[in-house]
Amino acid sequence: YNAAISACGKGKAWQKAMIFLEDMPRCVLVPDIVTYSSAIRACEKGARWRQALGLLELTRNDTVIPDVLNYDAAISSCVKAEQCQHTLCLLELMSALVWDQTLSLALLEGDLARR
C-alpha cells in the first residue's frame, strides 16, 4: 500500500491515495510513518493543504509519531496554498520535534560513552 500511495502522489491522484489509506484497516494493515508521509505528500501535490494538515493531525492522534518528512510535506502544502499562519505553526512544531530528537540522541550518545 505504501508504494501505491506514493505512486498516487507522484501522479497527483490524491483522492486515490486517500482511498488506499482508508482501505488499509479493512485489509488488516496499519498505516506507518511512511504511509502517512506518502499520503501527506499526495495531498501536497494535489494542492489539498487542509487534507495534508488533517493527515498530520491524524498521525499525532494515532500510534505514529510524525517525523520531519511528515512536517516537511505539510509545510510545503501550506506554503503552496499561501497559508502563512499554518506554515509558521508547523515550523514551530517541527522545530520542537527536531530539538527533542537531537536532545534524545545526545543523551543516548552520552549514556553509551559512559559504558
N, C-alpha and C. Protein backbone atom coordinates (compact mmCIF):
# COMPACT_ATOMS: atom_id res chain seq x y z
N TYR A 1 0.81 -1.20 0.00
CA TYR A 1 0.00 0.00 0.00
C TYR A 1 0.85 1.26 0.00
N ASN A 2 1.99 1.23 0.69
CA ASN A 2 2.85 2.42 0.73
C ASN A 2 3.29 2.82 -0.68
N ALA A 3 3.68 1.84 -1.47
CA ALA A 3 4.13 2.12 -2.84
C ALA A 3 2.98 2.67 -3.68
N ALA A 4 1.79 2.13 -3.49
CA ALA A 4 0.63 2.61 -4.25
C ALA A 4 0.29 4.05 -3.86
N ILE A 5 0.33 4.36 -2.58
CA ILE A 5 0.03 5.72 -2.12
C ILE A 5 1.09 6.68 -2.63
N SER A 6 2.34 6.26 -2.60
CA SER A 6 3.42 7.10 -3.12
C SER A 6 3.24 7.35 -4.62
N ALA A 7 2.88 6.31 -5.36
CA ALA A 7 2.66 6.46 -6.80
C ALA A 7 1.49 7.40 -7.08
N CYS A 8 0.46 7.33 -6.26
CA CYS A 8 -0.68 8.25 -6.41
C CYS A 8 -0.22 9.69 -6.21
N GLY A 9 0.66 9.88 -5.25
CA GLY A 9 1.18 11.23 -5.01
C GLY A 9 1.96 11.74 -6.20
N LYS A 10 2.78 10.90 -6.77
CA LYS A 10 3.58 11.31 -7.93
C LYS A 10 2.69 11.60 -9.13
N GLY A 11 1.55 10.93 -9.20
CA GLY A 11 0.61 11.14 -10.30
C GLY A 11 -0.45 12.18 -9.99
N LYS A 12 -0.28 12.87 -8.87
CA LYS A 12 -1.23 13.90 -8.43
C LYS A 12 -2.65 13.36 -8.29
N ALA A 13 -2.75 12.11 -7.87
CA ALA A 13 -4.05 11.46 -7.66
C ALA A 13 -4.30 11.32 -6.17
N TRP A 14 -4.43 12.46 -5.49
CA TRP A 14 -4.55 12.46 -4.04
C TRP A 14 -5.80 11.70 -3.57
N GLN A 15 -6.89 11.75 -4.36
CA GLN A 15 -8.11 11.04 -3.96
C GLN A 15 -7.87 9.53 -3.89
N LYS A 16 -7.15 9.00 -4.87
CA LYS A 16 -6.86 7.57 -4.87
C LYS A 16 -5.94 7.20 -3.70
N ALA A 17 -5.00 8.09 -3.39
CA ALA A 17 -4.12 7.86 -2.24
C ALA A 17 -4.95 7.76 -0.96
N MET A 18 -5.96 8.62 -0.82
CA MET A 18 -6.82 8.59 0.37
C MET A 18 -7.64 7.30 0.41
N ILE A 19 -8.07 6.82 -0.75
CA ILE A 19 -8.82 5.57 -0.80
C ILE A 19 -7.95 4.41 -0.32
N PHE A 20 -6.70 4.37 -0.79
CA PHE A 20 -5.78 3.32 -0.33
C PHE A 20 -5.57 3.41 1.18
N LEU A 21 -5.36 4.62 1.69
CA LEU A 21 -5.14 4.81 3.12
C LEU A 21 -6.35 4.35 3.92
N GLU A 22 -7.54 4.74 3.48
CA GLU A 22 -8.76 4.36 4.18
C GLU A 22 -9.04 2.86 4.09
N ASP A 23 -8.53 2.20 3.06
CA ASP A 23 -8.77 0.78 2.84
C ASP A 23 -7.85 -0.11 3.69
N MET A 24 -6.78 0.45 4.20
CA MET A 24 -5.78 -0.36 4.91
C MET A 24 -6.35 -1.15 6.10
N PRO A 25 -7.15 -0.52 6.98
CA PRO A 25 -7.67 -1.30 8.12
C PRO A 25 -8.52 -2.50 7.69
N ARG A 26 -9.26 -2.36 6.59
CA ARG A 26 -10.07 -3.47 6.09
C ARG A 26 -9.20 -4.66 5.71
N CYS A 27 -8.00 -4.36 5.27
CA CYS A 27 -7.04 -5.40 4.89
C CYS A 27 -6.13 -5.79 6.06
N VAL A 28 -6.48 -5.36 7.23
CA VAL A 28 -5.73 -5.61 8.46
C VAL A 28 -4.29 -5.09 8.34
N LEU A 29 -4.17 -3.92 7.76
CA LEU A 29 -2.88 -3.25 7.64
C LEU A 29 -2.93 -1.96 8.46
N VAL A 30 -1.83 -1.67 9.11
CA VAL A 30 -1.75 -0.47 9.94
C VAL A 30 -0.85 0.55 9.25
N PRO A 31 -1.36 1.76 9.01
CA PRO A 31 -0.51 2.79 8.40
C PRO A 31 0.68 3.10 9.30
N ASP A 32 1.84 3.30 8.68
CA ASP A 32 3.03 3.66 9.44
C ASP A 32 3.50 5.04 9.02
N ILE A 33 4.65 5.44 9.48
CA ILE A 33 5.18 6.77 9.20
C ILE A 33 5.36 7.01 7.70
N VAL A 34 5.77 5.98 6.98
CA VAL A 34 5.96 6.09 5.53
C VAL A 34 4.60 6.27 4.84
N THR A 35 3.61 5.53 5.30
CA THR A 35 2.27 5.63 4.73
C THR A 35 1.75 7.06 4.84
N TYR A 36 1.84 7.60 6.06
CA TYR A 36 1.33 8.96 6.28
C TYR A 36 2.14 9.99 5.51
N SER A 37 3.44 9.82 5.47
CA SER A 37 4.28 10.76 4.73
C SER A 37 3.90 10.77 3.25
N SER A 38 3.70 9.59 2.68
CA SER A 38 3.31 9.48 1.27
C SER A 38 1.93 10.08 1.03
N ALA A 39 1.01 9.86 1.95
CA ALA A 39 -0.34 10.39 1.80
C ALA A 39 -0.34 11.92 1.93
N ILE A 40 0.43 12.45 2.87
CA ILE A 40 0.52 13.90 3.03
C ILE A 40 1.15 14.51 1.78
N ARG A 41 2.17 13.86 1.25
CA ARG A 41 2.83 14.34 0.03
C ARG A 41 1.85 14.31 -1.15
N ALA A 42 1.00 13.27 -1.21
CA ALA A 42 -0.01 13.19 -2.28
C ALA A 42 -0.97 14.38 -2.18
N CYS A 43 -1.36 14.72 -0.96
CA CYS A 43 -2.24 15.88 -0.77
C CYS A 43 -1.53 17.17 -1.17
N GLU A 44 -0.26 17.25 -0.85
CA GLU A 44 0.52 18.43 -1.24
C GLU A 44 0.53 18.57 -2.76
N LYS A 45 0.82 17.48 -3.46
CA LYS A 45 0.88 17.51 -4.93
C LYS A 45 -0.48 17.84 -5.54
N GLY A 46 -1.56 17.46 -4.84
CA GLY A 46 -2.90 17.74 -5.31
C GLY A 46 -3.45 19.07 -4.83
N ALA A 47 -2.60 19.88 -4.21
CA ALA A 47 -2.99 21.21 -3.71
C ALA A 47 -4.14 21.11 -2.70
N ARG A 48 -4.04 20.13 -1.83
CA ARG A 48 -5.05 19.90 -0.80
C ARG A 48 -4.43 20.09 0.59
N TRP A 49 -4.16 21.35 0.93
CA TRP A 49 -3.46 21.63 2.18
C TRP A 49 -4.29 21.25 3.40
N ARG A 50 -5.59 21.40 3.34
CA ARG A 50 -6.42 21.04 4.50
C ARG A 50 -6.34 19.53 4.77
N GLN A 51 -6.38 18.74 3.71
CA GLN A 51 -6.27 17.29 3.88
C GLN A 51 -4.89 16.92 4.41
N ALA A 52 -3.86 17.61 3.94
CA ALA A 52 -2.50 17.35 4.43
C ALA A 52 -2.42 17.61 5.93
N LEU A 53 -2.99 18.73 6.38
CA LEU A 53 -2.99 19.04 7.81
C LEU A 53 -3.81 18.03 8.60
N GLY A 54 -4.92 17.59 8.01
CA GLY A 54 -5.74 16.58 8.68
C GLY A 54 -5.00 15.28 8.87
N LEU A 55 -4.24 14.89 7.86
CA LEU A 55 -3.44 13.66 7.98
C LEU A 55 -2.32 13.82 9.00
N LEU A 56 -1.69 14.98 9.03
CA LEU A 56 -0.65 15.21 10.03
C LEU A 56 -1.24 15.12 11.43
N GLU A 57 -2.40 15.71 11.61
CA GLU A 57 -3.08 15.64 12.91
C GLU A 57 -3.45 14.19 13.24
N LEU A 58 -3.87 13.44 12.24
CA LEU A 58 -4.21 12.04 12.44
C LEU A 58 -3.00 11.25 12.93
N THR A 59 -1.82 11.55 12.36
CA THR A 59 -0.62 10.84 12.83
C THR A 59 -0.34 11.16 14.29
N ARG A 60 -0.61 12.40 14.67
CA ARG A 60 -0.35 12.81 16.05
C ARG A 60 -1.33 12.14 17.01
N ASN A 61 -2.52 11.77 16.54
CA ASN A 61 -3.51 11.11 17.38
C ASN A 61 -3.43 9.60 17.29
N ASP A 62 -2.69 9.11 16.32
CA ASP A 62 -2.56 7.67 16.09
C ASP A 62 -1.33 7.18 16.85
N THR A 63 -0.96 5.97 16.62
CA THR A 63 0.22 5.41 17.28
C THR A 63 1.52 5.83 16.59
N VAL A 64 1.40 6.58 15.51
CA VAL A 64 2.56 7.02 14.72
C VAL A 64 2.99 8.39 15.21
N ILE A 65 4.28 8.57 15.41
CA ILE A 65 4.82 9.87 15.78
C ILE A 65 5.33 10.53 14.51
N PRO A 66 4.77 11.70 14.16
CA PRO A 66 5.20 12.35 12.92
C PRO A 66 6.68 12.70 12.96
N ASP A 67 7.32 12.62 11.81
CA ASP A 67 8.73 12.96 11.73
C ASP A 67 8.91 14.19 10.85
N VAL A 68 10.15 14.55 10.62
CA VAL A 68 10.47 15.75 9.85
C VAL A 68 9.89 15.66 8.44
N LEU A 69 9.89 14.48 7.84
CA LEU A 69 9.34 14.32 6.48
C LEU A 69 7.84 14.60 6.44
N ASN A 70 7.12 14.18 7.48
CA ASN A 70 5.69 14.46 7.55
C ASN A 70 5.46 15.97 7.65
N TYR A 71 6.21 16.60 8.54
CA TYR A 71 6.07 18.05 8.69
C TYR A 71 6.49 18.78 7.42
N ASP A 72 7.55 18.33 6.79
CA ASP A 72 8.03 18.97 5.56
C ASP A 72 6.95 18.96 4.48
N ALA A 73 6.30 17.82 4.31
CA ALA A 73 5.25 17.72 3.29
C ALA A 73 4.07 18.63 3.63
N ALA A 74 3.67 18.66 4.90
CA ALA A 74 2.56 19.51 5.30
C ALA A 74 2.92 20.99 5.16
N ILE A 75 4.15 21.35 5.54
CA ILE A 75 4.61 22.73 5.41
C ILE A 75 4.62 23.14 3.94
N SER A 76 5.14 22.29 3.09
CA SER A 76 5.18 22.58 1.66
C SER A 76 3.78 22.80 1.11
N SER A 77 2.84 21.99 1.57
CA SER A 77 1.46 22.12 1.14
C SER A 77 0.89 23.48 1.55
N CYS A 78 1.17 23.90 2.77
CA CYS A 78 0.67 25.19 3.26
C CYS A 78 1.35 26.36 2.55
N VAL A 79 2.64 26.24 2.29
CA VAL A 79 3.36 27.30 1.59
C VAL A 79 2.77 27.50 0.19
N LYS A 80 2.54 26.40 -0.51
CA LYS A 80 1.97 26.49 -1.86
C LYS A 80 0.58 27.12 -1.86
N ALA A 81 -0.16 26.92 -0.77
CA ALA A 81 -1.51 27.48 -0.67
C ALA A 81 -1.50 28.86 0.00
N GLU A 82 -0.31 29.38 0.27
CA GLU A 82 -0.13 30.69 0.89
C GLU A 82 -0.83 30.78 2.25
N GLN A 83 -0.72 29.70 3.00
CA GLN A 83 -1.29 29.63 4.35
C GLN A 83 -0.19 29.93 5.37
N CYS A 84 0.13 31.22 5.50
CA CYS A 84 1.27 31.64 6.31
C CYS A 84 1.14 31.24 7.77
N GLN A 85 -0.03 31.45 8.37
CA GLN A 85 -0.21 31.15 9.79
C GLN A 85 -0.01 29.66 10.06
N HIS A 86 -0.58 28.82 9.21
CA HIS A 86 -0.41 27.37 9.38
C HIS A 86 1.06 26.98 9.17
N THR A 87 1.70 27.61 8.20
CA THR A 87 3.11 27.32 7.92
C THR A 87 3.96 27.63 9.14
N LEU A 88 3.76 28.79 9.74
CA LEU A 88 4.55 29.18 10.91
C LEU A 88 4.30 28.25 12.09
N CYS A 89 3.06 27.86 12.28
CA CYS A 89 2.73 26.93 13.36
C CYS A 89 3.42 25.58 13.15
N LEU A 90 3.39 25.08 11.92
CA LEU A 90 4.04 23.80 11.62
C LEU A 90 5.55 23.89 11.77
N LEU A 91 6.13 25.01 11.38
CA LEU A 91 7.58 25.19 11.55
C LEU A 91 7.95 25.16 13.02
N GLU A 92 7.13 25.76 13.84
CA GLU A 92 7.38 25.76 15.29
C GLU A 92 7.29 24.34 15.85
N LEU A 93 6.26 23.61 15.44
CA LEU A 93 6.11 22.22 15.89
C LEU A 93 7.27 21.35 15.42
N MET A 94 7.67 21.54 14.16
CA MET A 94 8.79 20.75 13.63
C MET A 94 10.08 21.10 14.34
N SER A 95 10.29 22.37 14.66
CA SER A 95 11.49 22.79 15.37
C SER A 95 11.57 22.09 16.74
N ALA A 96 10.43 22.03 17.42
CA ALA A 96 10.40 21.34 18.72
C ALA A 96 10.71 19.86 18.56
N LEU A 97 10.18 19.26 17.50
CA LEU A 97 10.44 17.85 17.23
C LEU A 97 11.93 17.60 17.00
N VAL A 98 12.53 18.43 16.18
CA VAL A 98 13.96 18.28 15.88
C VAL A 98 14.78 18.47 17.15
N TRP A 99 14.41 19.44 17.97
CA TRP A 99 15.12 19.68 19.22
C TRP A 99 15.01 18.45 20.13
N ASP A 100 13.80 17.89 20.27
CA ASP A 100 13.60 16.70 21.10
C ASP A 100 14.44 15.52 20.59
N GLN A 101 14.46 15.32 19.27
CA GLN A 101 15.23 14.22 18.70
C GLN A 101 16.73 14.44 18.90
N THR A 102 17.18 15.66 18.75
CA THR A 102 18.60 15.97 18.94
C THR A 102 19.01 15.74 20.39
N LEU A 103 18.16 16.20 21.31
CA LEU A 103 18.45 16.02 22.73
C LEU A 103 18.47 14.54 23.09
N SER A 104 17.50 13.78 22.59
CA SER A 104 17.45 12.34 22.86
C SER A 104 18.70 11.64 22.34
N LEU A 105 19.13 12.01 21.14
CA LEU A 105 20.33 11.42 20.56
C LEU A 105 21.57 11.78 21.39
N ALA A 106 21.66 13.01 21.83
CA ALA A 106 22.80 13.43 22.65
C ALA A 106 22.83 12.68 23.97
N LEU A 107 21.67 12.49 24.59
CA LEU A 107 21.60 11.74 25.84
C LEU A 107 21.98 10.29 25.63
N LEU A 108 21.53 9.71 24.54
CA LEU A 108 21.87 8.33 24.22
C LEU A 108 23.37 8.18 23.98
N GLU A 109 23.94 9.10 23.22
CA GLU A 109 25.38 9.04 22.96
C GLU A 109 26.18 9.20 24.25
N GLY A 110 25.72 10.08 25.13
CA GLY A 110 26.39 10.25 26.42
C GLY A 110 26.31 9.00 27.26
N ASP A 111 25.16 8.34 27.25
CA ASP A 111 24.98 7.11 28.00
C ASP A 111 25.86 6.00 27.45
N LEU A 112 25.96 5.92 26.14
CA LEU A 112 26.80 4.90 25.52
C LEU A 112 28.29 5.18 25.78
N ALA A 113 28.67 6.44 25.81
CA ALA A 113 30.08 6.79 26.03
C ALA A 113 30.52 6.41 27.45
N ARG A 114 29.59 6.43 28.39
CA ARG A 114 29.93 6.09 29.78
C ARG A 114 30.11 4.59 29.96
N ARG A 115 29.63 3.82 29.05
CA ARG A 115 29.71 2.34 29.22
C ARG A 115 31.03 1.81 28.84
